Amino acid sequence: MELQPLADRLVVKRRVEAAVTDGNIVIPDAHRKKLNVGTVMAVGEGIRYQGKLLPVKVQVGDTVLFSENVGTEVVVEQEELLILRECDLLATFRP
């Protein structure tokens, strides 16, 4: 199943804190911190403003930094994803 966001929304796969620390201590899944950084998996077409389509400025594959407590968490094919608006992004990182 493919999840296609509408308007200026993005589907982001959020990064999770590493399972093992530098001192080889294993962190249980329940205590692993979800980071405010993720990879863009899908992008909507943009929004219409005064009859013109304003496209979303990020691309699939970009790494993004976003605000805390934004978006909607969904599970698609046992994969946790986050749907958020472009205005919730703080920065992008491109390789």
PDB file of N, CA and C in Angstrom:
ATOM      1  N   MET A   1       0.839  -1.181   0.000  1.00  0.00           N
ATOM      2  CA  MET A   1       0.000   0.000   0.000  1.00  0.00           C
ATOM      3  C   MET A   1       0.884   1.245   0.000  1.00  0.00           C
ATOM      4  N   GLU A   2       0.553   2.168  -0.861  1.00  0.00           N
ATOM      5  CA  GLU A   2       1.313   3.410  -0.960  1.00  0.00           C
ATOM      6  C   GLU A   2       0.525   4.530  -0.301  1.00  0.00           C
ATOM      7  N   LEU A   3       1.181   5.296   0.546  1.00  0.00           N
ATOM      8  CA  LEU A   3       0.544   6.408   1.238  1.00  0.00           C
ATOM      9  C   LEU A   3       0.927   7.698   0.520  1.00  0.00           C
ATOM     10  N   GLN A   4      -0.056   8.369  -0.065  1.00  0.00           N
ATOM     11  CA  GLN A   4       0.196   9.614  -0.809  1.00  0.00           C
ATOM     12  C   GLN A   4      -0.426  10.783  -0.040  1.00  0.00           C
ATOM     13  N   PRO A   5       0.409  11.686   0.486  1.00  0.00           N
ATOM     14  CA  PRO A   5      -0.120  12.830   1.222  1.00  0.00           C
ATOM     15  C   PRO A   5      -0.775  13.843   0.295  1.00  0.00           C
ATOM     16  N   LEU A   6      -1.711  14.607   0.834  1.00  0.00           N
ATOM     17  CA  LEU A   6      -2.417  15.626   0.068  1.00  0.00           C
ATOM     18  C   LEU A   6      -1.873  17.015   0.399  1.00  0.00           C
ATOM     19  N   ALA A   7      -2.068  17.936  -0.534  1.00  0.00           N
ATOM     20  CA  ALA A   7      -1.705  19.354  -0.373  1.00  0.00           C
ATOM     21  C   ALA A   7      -0.238  19.508   0.034  1.00  0.00           C
ATOM     22  N   ASP A   8       0.034  20.238   1.125  1.00  0.00           N
ATOM     23  CA  ASP A   8       1.422  20.505   1.524  1.00  0.00           C
ATOM     24  C   ASP A   8       1.889  19.568   2.636  1.00  0.00           C
ATOM     25  N   ARG A   9       1.321  18.378   2.690  1.00  0.00           N
ATOM     26  CA  ARG A   9       1.702  17.424   3.722  1.00  0.00           C
ATOM     27  C   ARG A   9       2.830  16.502   3.247  1.00  0.00           C
ATOM     28  N   LEU A  10       3.560  15.962   4.220  1.00  0.00           N
ATOM     29  CA  LEU A  10       4.689  15.072   3.961  1.00  0.00           C
ATOM     30  C   LEU A  10       4.520  13.802   4.786  1.00  0.00           C
ATOM     31  N   VAL A  11       5.036  12.703   4.287  1.00  0.00           N
ATOM     32  CA  VAL A  11       5.130  11.475   5.067  1.00  0.00           C
ATOM     33  C   VAL A  11       6.600  11.329   5.429  1.00  0.00           C
ATOM     34  N   VAL A  12       6.867  11.228   6.738  1.00  0.00           N
ATOM     35  CA  VAL A  12       8.243  11.186   7.238  1.00  0.00           C
ATOM     36  C   VAL A  12       8.435   9.930   8.067  1.00  0.00           C
ATOM     37  N   LYS A  13       9.559   9.254   7.847  1.00  0.00           N
ATOM     38  CA  LYS A  13       9.943   8.119   8.696  1.00  0.00           C
ATOM     39  C   LYS A  13      10.891   8.686   9.747  1.00  0.00           C
ATOM     40  N   ARG A  14      10.400   8.715  10.976  1.00  0.00           N
ATOM     41  CA  ARG A  14      11.136   9.321  12.083  1.00  0.00           C
ATOM     42  C   ARG A  14      12.304   8.432  12.504  1.00  0.00           C
ATOM     43  N   ARG A  15      13.418   9.058  12.844  1.00  0.00           N
ATOM     44  CA  ARG A  15      14.567   8.303  13.360  1.00  0.00           C
ATOM     45  C   ARG A  15      14.359   8.015  14.840  1.00  0.00           C
ATOM     46  N   VAL A  16      14.916   6.903  15.271  1.00  0.00           N
ATOM     47  CA  VAL A  16      14.817   6.494  16.667  1.00  0.00           C
ATOM     48  C   VAL A  16      16.226   6.383  17.217  1.00  0.00           C
ATOM     49  N   GLU A  17      16.378   6.722  18.496  1.00  0.00           N
ATOM     50  CA  GLU A  17      17.664   6.651  19.166  1.00  0.00           C
ATOM     51  C   GLU A  17      18.272   5.257  19.024  1.00  0.00           C
ATOM     52  N   ALA A  18      19.577   5.173  18.945  1.00  0.00           N
ATOM     53  CA  ALA A  18      20.264   3.893  18.795  1.00  0.00           C
ATOM     54  C   ALA A  18      19.895   2.938  19.927  1.00  0.00           C
ATOM     55  N   ALA A  19      19.862   1.635  19.623  1.00  0.00           N
ATOM     56  CA  ALA A  19      19.467   0.622  20.604  1.00  0.00           C
ATOM     57  C   ALA A  19      20.588   0.291  21.583  1.00  0.00           C
ATOM     58  N   VAL A  20      21.831   0.627  21.213  1.00  0.00           N
ATOM     59  CA  VAL A  20      22.979   0.323  22.070  1.00  0.00           C
ATOM     60  C   VAL A  20      23.795   1.601  22.240  1.00  0.00           C
ATOM     61  N   THR A  21      24.172   1.915  23.482  1.00  0.00           N
ATOM     62  CA  THR A  21      24.968   3.114  23.753  1.00  0.00           C
ATOM     63  C   THR A  21      26.433   2.853  23.433  1.00  0.00           C
ATOM     64  N   ASP A  22      27.246   3.894  23.539  1.00  0.00           N
ATOM     65  CA  ASP A  22      28.684   3.747  23.285  1.00  0.00           C
ATOM     66  C   ASP A  22      29.336   2.781  24.267  1.00  0.00           C
ATOM     67  N   GLY A  23      28.773   2.653  25.465  1.00  0.00           N
ATOM     68  CA  GLY A  23      29.302   1.730  26.476  1.00  0.00           C
ATOM     69  C   GLY A  23      28.709   0.338  26.366  1.00  0.00           C
ATOM     70  N   ASN A  24      28.087   0.008  25.215  1.00  0.00           N
ATOM     71  CA  ASN A  24      27.475  -1.297  24.956  1.00  0.00           C
ATOM     72  C   ASN A  24      26.338  -1.634  25.905  1.00  0.00           C
ATOM     73  N   ILE A  25      25.603  -0.625  26.348  1.00  0.00           N
ATOM     74  CA  ILE A  25      24.421  -0.845  27.168  1.00  0.00           C
ATOM     75  C   ILE A  25      23.215  -0.886  26.233  1.00  0.00           C
ATOM     76  N   VAL A  26      22.415  -1.940  26.328  1.00  0.00           N
ATOM     77  CA  VAL A  26      21.251  -2.108  25.462  1.00  0.00           C
ATOM     78  C   VAL A  26      20.074  -1.323  26.055  1.00  0.00           C
ATOM     79  N   ILE A  27      19.446  -0.484  25.215  1.00  0.00           N
ATOM     80  CA  ILE A  27      18.288   0.304  25.634  1.00  0.00           C
ATOM     81  C   ILE A  27      17.037  -0.417  25.144  1.00  0.00           C
ATOM     82  N   PRO A  28      16.108  -0.761  26.049  1.00  0.00           N
ATOM     83  CA  PRO A  28      14.868  -1.431  25.619  1.00  0.00           C
ATOM     84  C   PRO A  28      14.044  -0.526  24.706  1.00  0.00           C
ATOM     85  N   ASP A  29      13.263  -1.134  23.815  1.00  0.00           N
ATOM     86  CA  ASP A  29      12.447  -0.370  22.869  1.00  0.00           C
ATOM     87  C   ASP A  29      11.536   0.634  23.566  1.00  0.00           C
ATOM     88  N   ALA A  30      10.984   0.280  24.697  1.00  0.00           N
ATOM     89  CA  ALA A  30      10.051   1.165  25.399  1.00  0.00           C
ATOM     90  C   ALA A  30      10.724   2.436  25.900  1.00  0.00           C
ATOM     91  N   HIS A  31      12.039   2.425  26.052  1.00  0.00           N
ATOM     92  CA  HIS A  31      12.753   3.586  26.581  1.00  0.00           C
ATOM     93  C   HIS A  31      13.581   4.321  25.529  1.00  0.00           C
ATOM     94  N   ARG A  32      13.517   3.847  24.294  1.00  0.00           N
ATOM     95  CA  ARG A  32      14.263   4.518  23.229  1.00  0.00           C
ATOM     96  C   ARG A  32      13.555   5.803  22.847  1.00  0.00           C
ATOM     97  N   LYS A  33      14.311   6.859  22.711  1.00  0.00           N
ATOM     98  CA  LYS A  33      13.748   8.185  22.424  1.00  0.00           C
ATOM     99  C   LYS A  33      13.516   8.357  20.927  1.00  0.00           C
ATOM    100  N   LYS A  34      12.327   8.890  20.571  1.00  0.00           N
ATOM    101  CA  LYS A  34      12.051   9.231  19.182  1.00  0.00           C
ATOM    102  C   LYS A  34      12.613  10.625  18.930  1.00  0.00           C
ATOM    103  N   LEU A  35      13.400  10.759  17.885  1.00  0.00           N
ATOM    104  CA  LEU A  35      14.045  12.029  17.582  1.00  0.00           C
ATOM    105  C   LEU A  35      13.159  12.888  16.686  1.00  0.00           C
ATOM    106  N   ASN A  36      13.432  14.167  16.633  1.00  0.00           N
ATOM    107  CA  ASN A  36      12.687  15.101  15.779  1.00  0.00           C
ATOM    108  C   ASN A  36      13.366  15.248  14.427  1.00  0.00           C
ATOM    109  N   VAL A  37      13.960  14.174  13.977  1.00  0.00           N
ATOM    110  CA  VAL A  37      14.640  14.124  12.679  1.00  0.00           C
ATOM    111  C   VAL A  37      14.105  12.913  11.942  1.00  0.00           C
ATOM    112  N   GLY A  38      13.919  13.051  10.629  1.00  0.00           N
ATOM    113  CA  GLY A  38      13.432  11.922   9.857  1.00  0.00           C
ATOM    114  C   GLY A  38      13.720  12.075   8.386  1.00  0.00           C
ATOM    115  N   THR A  39      13.363  11.055   7.629  1.00  0.00           N
ATOM    116  CA  THR A  39      13.558  11.023   6.185  1.00  0.00           C
ATOM    117  C   THR A  39      12.211  11.140   5.499  1.00  0.00           C
ATOM    118  N   VAL A  40      12.120  12.005   4.503  1.00  0.00           N
ATOM    119  CA  VAL A  40      10.880  12.211   3.761  1.00  0.00           C
ATOM    120  C   VAL A  40      10.644  11.003   2.858  1.00  0.00           C
ATOM    121  N   MET A  41       9.470  10.371   3.018  1.00  0.00           N
ATOM    122  CA  MET A  41       9.120   9.187   2.243  1.00  0.00           C
ATOM    123  C   MET A  41       8.177   9.515   1.078  1.00  0.00           C
ATOM    124  N   ALA A  42       7.325  10.544   1.254  1.00  0.00           N
ATOM    125  CA  ALA A  42       6.381  10.953   0.214  1.00  0.00           C
ATOM    126  C   ALA A  42       6.035  12.425   0.424  1.00  0.00           C
ATOM    127  N   VAL A  43       5.680  13.099  -0.677  1.00  0.00           N
ATOM    128  CA  VAL A  43       5.411  14.540  -0.654  1.00  0.00           C
ATOM    129  C   VAL A  43       4.122  14.819  -1.414  1.00  0.00           C
ATOM    130  N   GLY A  44       3.281  15.689  -0.858  1.00  0.00           N
ATOM    131  CA  GLY A  44       2.072  16.124  -1.548  1.00  0.00           C
ATOM    132  C   GLY A  44       2.429  17.088  -2.676  1.00  0.00           C
ATOM    133  N   GLU A  45       1.446  17.439  -3.495  1.00  0.00           N
ATOM    134  CA  GLU A  45       1.726  18.286  -4.667  1.00  0.00           C
ATOM    135  C   GLU A  45       1.902  19.752  -4.316  1.00  0.00           C
ATOM    136  N   GLY A  46       1.404  20.199  -3.174  1.00  0.00           N
ATOM    137  CA  GLY A  46       1.511  21.599  -2.782  1.00  0.00           C
ATOM    138  C   GLY A  46       0.131  22.187  -2.547  1.00  0.00           C
ATOM    139  N   ILE A  47       0.093  23.505  -2.343  1.00  0.00           N
ATOM    140  CA  ILE A  47      -1.190  24.172  -2.101  1.00  0.00           C
ATOM    141  C   ILE A  47      -1.462  25.192  -3.186  1.00  0.00           C
ATOM    142  N   ARG A  48      -2.726  25.493  -3.357  1.00  0.00           N
ATOM    143  CA  ARG A  48      -3.119  26.515  -4.332  1.00  0.00           C
ATOM    144  C   ARG A  48      -3.265  27.841  -3.610  1.00  0.00           C
ATOM    145  N   TYR A  49      -2.663  28.877  -4.207  1.00  0.00           N
ATOM    146  CA  TYR A  49      -2.748  30.229  -3.663  1.00  0.00           C
ATOM    147  C   TYR A  49      -2.999  31.180  -4.820  1.00  0.00           C
ATOM    148  N   GLN A  50      -4.102  31.866  -4.788  1.00  0.00           N
ATOM    149  CA  GLN A  50      -4.515  32.794  -5.840  1.00  0.00           C
ATOM    150  C   GLN A  50      -4.471  32.126  -7.218  1.00  0.00           C
ATOM    151  N   GLY A  51      -4.947  30.885  -7.269  1.00  0.00           N
ATOM    152  CA  GLY A  51      -5.040  30.162  -8.527  1.00  0.00           C
ATOM    153  C   GLY A  51      -3.760  29.499  -8.997  1.00  0.00           C
ATOM    154  N   LYS A  52      -2.652  29.696  -8.282  1.00  0.00           N
ATOM    155  CA  LYS A  52      -1.369  29.083  -8.675  1.00  0.00           C
ATOM    156  C   LYS A  52      -1.018  27.973  -7.693  1.00  0.00           C
ATOM    157  N   LEU A  53      -0.399  26.919  -8.219  1.00  0.00           N
ATOM    158  CA  LEU A  53       0.053  25.826  -7.385  1.00  0.00           C
ATOM    159  C   LEU A  53       1.435  26.157  -6.829  1.00  0.00           C
ATOM    160  N   LEU A  54       1.553  26.191  -5.504  1.00  0.00           N
ATOM    161  CA  LEU A  54       2.836  26.409  -4.844  1.00  0.00           C
ATOM    162  C   LEU A  54       3.360  25.052  -4.396  1.00  0.00           C
ATOM    163  N   PRO A  55       4.377  24.509  -5.082  1.00  0.00           N
ATOM    164  CA  PRO A  55       4.850  23.163  -4.751  1.00  0.00           C
ATOM    165  C   PRO A  55       5.578  23.125  -3.408  1.00  0.00           C
ATOM    166  N   VAL A  56       5.628  21.942  -2.823  1.00  0.00           N
ATOM    167  CA  VAL A  56       6.371  21.715  -1.587  1.00  0.00           C
ATOM    168  C   VAL A  56       7.858  21.794  -1.916  1.00  0.00           C
ATOM    169  N   LYS A  57       8.645  22.387  -1.017  1.00  0.00           N
ATOM    170  CA  LYS A  57      10.062  22.634  -1.303  1.00  0.00           C
ATOM    171  C   LYS A  57      10.990  21.487  -0.933  1.00  0.00           C
ATOM    172  N   VAL A  58      10.481  20.457  -0.262  1.00  0.00           N
ATOM    173  CA  VAL A  58      11.331  19.315   0.069  1.00  0.00           C
ATOM    174  C   VAL A  58      11.059  18.179  -0.903  1.00  0.00           C
ATOM    175  N   GLN A  59      12.005  17.262  -0.984  1.00  0.00           N
ATOM    176  CA  GLN A  59      11.913  16.147  -1.916  1.00  0.00           C
ATOM    177  C   GLN A  59      11.987  14.829  -1.158  1.00  0.00           C
ATOM    178  N   VAL A  60      11.519  13.779  -1.781  1.00  0.00           N
ATOM    179  CA  VAL A  60      11.637  12.437  -1.202  1.00  0.00           C
ATOM    180  C   VAL A  60      13.119  12.137  -1.010  1.00  0.00           C
ATOM    181  N   GLY A  61      13.467  11.638   0.160  1.00  0.00           N
ATOM    182  CA  GLY A  61      14.856  11.315   0.472  1.00  0.00           C
ATOM    183  C   GLY A  61      15.554  12.373   1.304  1.00  0.00           C
ATOM    184  N   ASP A  62      14.990  13.587   1.389  1.00  0.00           N
ATOM    185  CA  ASP A  62      15.592  14.641   2.212  1.00  0.00           C
ATOM    186  C   ASP A  62      15.488  14.258   3.684  1.00  0.00           C
ATOM    187  N   THR A  63      16.468  14.664   4.459  1.00  0.00           N
ATOM    188  CA  THR A  63      16.423  14.520   5.904  1.00  0.00           C
ATOM    189  C   THR A  63      15.922  15.840   6.463  1.00  0.00           C
ATOM    190  N   VAL A  64      14.919  15.779   7.332  1.00  0.00           N
ATOM    191  CA  VAL A  64      14.298  16.999   7.840  1.00  0.00           C
ATOM    192  C   VAL A  64      14.308  17.029   9.361  1.00  0.00           C
ATOM    193  N   LEU A  65      14.330  18.252   9.882  1.00  0.00           N
ATOM    194  CA  LEU A  65      14.212  18.512  11.310  1.00  0.00           C
ATOM    195  C   LEU A  65      12.854  19.173  11.511  1.00  0.00           C
ATOM    196  N   PHE A  66      12.055  18.680  12.464  1.00  0.00           N
ATOM    197  CA  PHE A  66      10.719  19.225  12.650  1.00  0.00           C
ATOM    198  C   PHE A  66      10.459  19.510  14.123  1.00  0.00           C
ATOM    199  N   SER A  67       9.421  20.294  14.388  1.00  0.00           N
ATOM    200  CA  SER A  67       9.054  20.682  15.744  1.00  0.00           C
ATOM    201  C   SER A  67       8.570  19.475  16.540  1.00  0.00           C
ATOM    202  N   GLU A  68       8.585  19.607  17.866  1.00  0.00           N
ATOM    203  CA  GLU A  68       8.060  18.552  18.725  1.00  0.00           C
ATOM    204  C   GLU A  68       6.540  18.568  18.704  1.00  0.00           C
ATOM    205  N   ASN A  69       5.960  17.421  18.943  1.00  0.00           N
ATOM    206  CA  ASN A  69       4.506  17.273  19.085  1.00  0.00           C
ATOM    207  C   ASN A  69       3.716  17.798  17.897  1.00  0.00           C
ATOM    208  N   VAL A  70       4.183  17.546  16.696  1.00  0.00           N
ATOM    209  CA  VAL A  70       3.451  17.937  15.491  1.00  0.00           C
ATOM    210  C   VAL A  70       3.125  16.695  14.677  1.00  0.00           C
ATOM    211  N   GLY A  71       2.180  16.823  13.804  1.00  0.00           N
ATOM    212  CA  GLY A  71       1.861  15.751  12.885  1.00  0.00           C
ATOM    213  C   GLY A  71       0.983  14.668  13.484  1.00  0.00           C
ATOM    214  N   THR A  72       0.705  13.695  12.642  1.00  0.00           N
ATOM    215  CA  THR A  72      -0.135  12.560  13.009  1.00  0.00           C
ATOM    216  C   THR A  72       0.652  11.281  12.775  1.00  0.00           C
ATOM    217  N   GLU A  73       0.763  10.461  13.816  1.00  0.00           N
ATOM    218  CA  GLU A  73       1.474   9.191  13.674  1.00  0.00           C
ATOM    219  C   GLU A  73       0.529   8.142  13.111  1.00  0.00           C
ATOM    220  N   VAL A  74       1.008   7.412  12.103  1.00  0.00           N
ATOM    221  CA  VAL A  74       0.241   6.333  11.491  1.00  0.00           C
ATOM    222  C   VAL A  74       1.135   5.107  11.356  1.00  0.00           C
ATOM    223  N   VAL A  75       0.519   3.934  11.290  1.00  0.00           N
ATOM    224  CA  VAL A  75       1.259   2.695  11.065  1.00  0.00           C
ATOM    225  C   VAL A  75       0.772   2.119   9.747  1.00  0.00           C
ATOM    226  N   VAL A  76       1.707   1.953   8.800  1.00  0.00           N
ATOM    227  CA  VAL A  76       1.390   1.400   7.490  1.00  0.00           C
ATOM    228  C   VAL A  76       2.319   0.211   7.265  1.00  0.00           C
ATOM    229  N   GLU A  77       1.728  -0.968   7.102  1.00  0.00           N
ATOM    230  CA  GLU A  77       2.491  -2.200   6.890  1.00  0.00           C
ATOM    231  C   GLU A  77       3.572  -2.378   7.965  1.00  0.00           C
ATOM    232  N   GLN A  78       3.170  -2.237   9.228  1.00  0.00           N
ATOM    233  CA  GLN A  78       4.029  -2.372  10.413  1.00  0.00           C
ATOM    234  C   GLN A  78       5.177  -1.369  10.452  1.00  0.00           C
ATOM    235  N   GLU A  79       5.052  -0.261   9.761  1.00  0.00           N
ATOM    236  CA  GLU A  79       6.081   0.778   9.766  1.00  0.00           C
ATOM    237  C   GLU A  79       5.461   2.059  10.325  1.00  0.00           C
ATOM    238  N   GLU A  80       6.092   2.619  11.377  1.00  0.00           N
ATOM    239  CA  GLU A  80       5.590   3.842  11.985  1.00  0.00           C
ATOM    240  C   GLU A  80       6.013   5.043  11.151  1.00  0.00           C
ATOM    241  N   LEU A  81       5.032   5.836  10.728  1.00  0.00           N
ATOM    242  CA  LEU A  81       5.284   7.013   9.906  1.00  0.00           C
ATOM    243  C   LEU A  81       4.615   8.218  10.550  1.00  0.00           C
ATOM    244  N   LEU A  82       5.043   9.395  10.144  1.00  0.00           N
ATOM    245  CA  LEU A  82       4.503  10.639  10.653  1.00  0.00           C
ATOM    246  C   LEU A  82       4.048  11.479   9.466  1.00  0.00           C
ATOM    247  N   ILE A  83       2.794  11.962   9.512  1.00  0.00           N
ATOM    248  CA  ILE A  83       2.297  12.851   8.467  1.00  0.00           C
ATOM    249  C   ILE A  83       2.275  14.251   9.059  1.00  0.00           C
ATOM    250  N   LEU A  84       2.977  15.183   8.422  1.00  0.00           N
ATOM    251  CA  LEU A  84       3.004  16.548   8.915  1.00  0.00           C
ATOM    252  C   LEU A  84       2.977  17.544   7.775  1.00  0.00           C
ATOM    253  N   ARG A  85       2.710  18.788   8.110  1.00  0.00           N
ATOM    254  CA  ARG A  85       2.643  19.849   7.109  1.00  0.00           C
ATOM    255  C   ARG A  85       4.035  20.433   6.890  1.00  0.00           C
ATOM    256  N   GLU A  86       4.230  21.014   5.737  1.00  0.00           N
ATOM    257  CA  GLU A  86       5.522  21.623   5.408  1.00  0.00           C
ATOM    258  C   GLU A  86       5.880  22.730   6.403  1.00  0.00           C
ATOM    259  N   CYS A  87       4.900  23.455   6.905  1.00  0.00           N
ATOM    260  CA  CYS A  87       5.178  24.559   7.832  1.00  0.00           C
ATOM    261  C   CYS A  87       5.683  24.067   9.190  1.00  0.00           C
ATOM    262  N   ASP A  88       5.561  22.763   9.492  1.00  0.00           N
ATOM    263  CA  ASP A  88       6.073  22.202  10.740  1.00  0.00           C
ATOM    264  C   ASP A  88       7.573  21.909  10.675  1.00  0.00           C
ATOM    265  N   LEU A  89       8.150  22.009   9.482  1.00  0.00           N
ATOM    266  CA  LEU A  89       9.578  21.745   9.315  1.00  0.00           C
ATOM    267  C   LEU A  89      10.389  22.940   9.778  1.00  0.00           C
ATOM    268  N   LEU A  90      11.550  22.643  10.397  1.00  0.00           N
ATOM    269  CA  LEU A  90      12.459  23.693  10.835  1.00  0.00           C
ATOM    270  C   LEU A  90      13.665  23.824   9.902  1.00  0.00           C
ATOM    271  N   ALA A  91      14.105  22.691   9.336  1.00  0.00           N
ATOM    272  CA  ALA A  91      15.272  22.708   8.464  1.00  0.00           C
ATOM    273  C   ALA A  91      15.337  21.416   7.654  1.00  0.00           C
ATOM    274  N   THR A  92      16.109  21.444   6.573  1.00  0.00           N
ATOM    275  CA  THR A  92      16.371  20.241   5.787  1.00  0.00           C
ATOM    276  C   THR A  92      17.867  20.019   5.698  1.00  0.00           C
ATOM    277  N   PHE A  93      18.248  18.768   5.553  1.00  0.00           N
ATOM    278  CA  PHE A  93      19.646  18.386   5.372  1.00  0.00           C
ATOM    279  C   PHE A  93      19.727  17.610   4.070  1.00  0.00           C
ATOM    280  N   ARG A  94      20.487  18.082   3.124  1.00  0.00           N
ATOM    281  CA  ARG A  94      20.658  17.356   1.863  1.00  0.00           C
ATOM    282  C   ARG A  94      22.098  16.875   1.770  1.00  0.00           C
ATOM    283  N   PRO A  95      22.271  15.625   1.325  1.00  0.00           N
ATOM    284  CA  PRO A  95      23.642  15.090   1.208  1.00  0.00           C
ATOM    285  C   PRO A  95      24.445  15.743   0.115  1.00  0.00           C
TER     286      PRO A  95
END
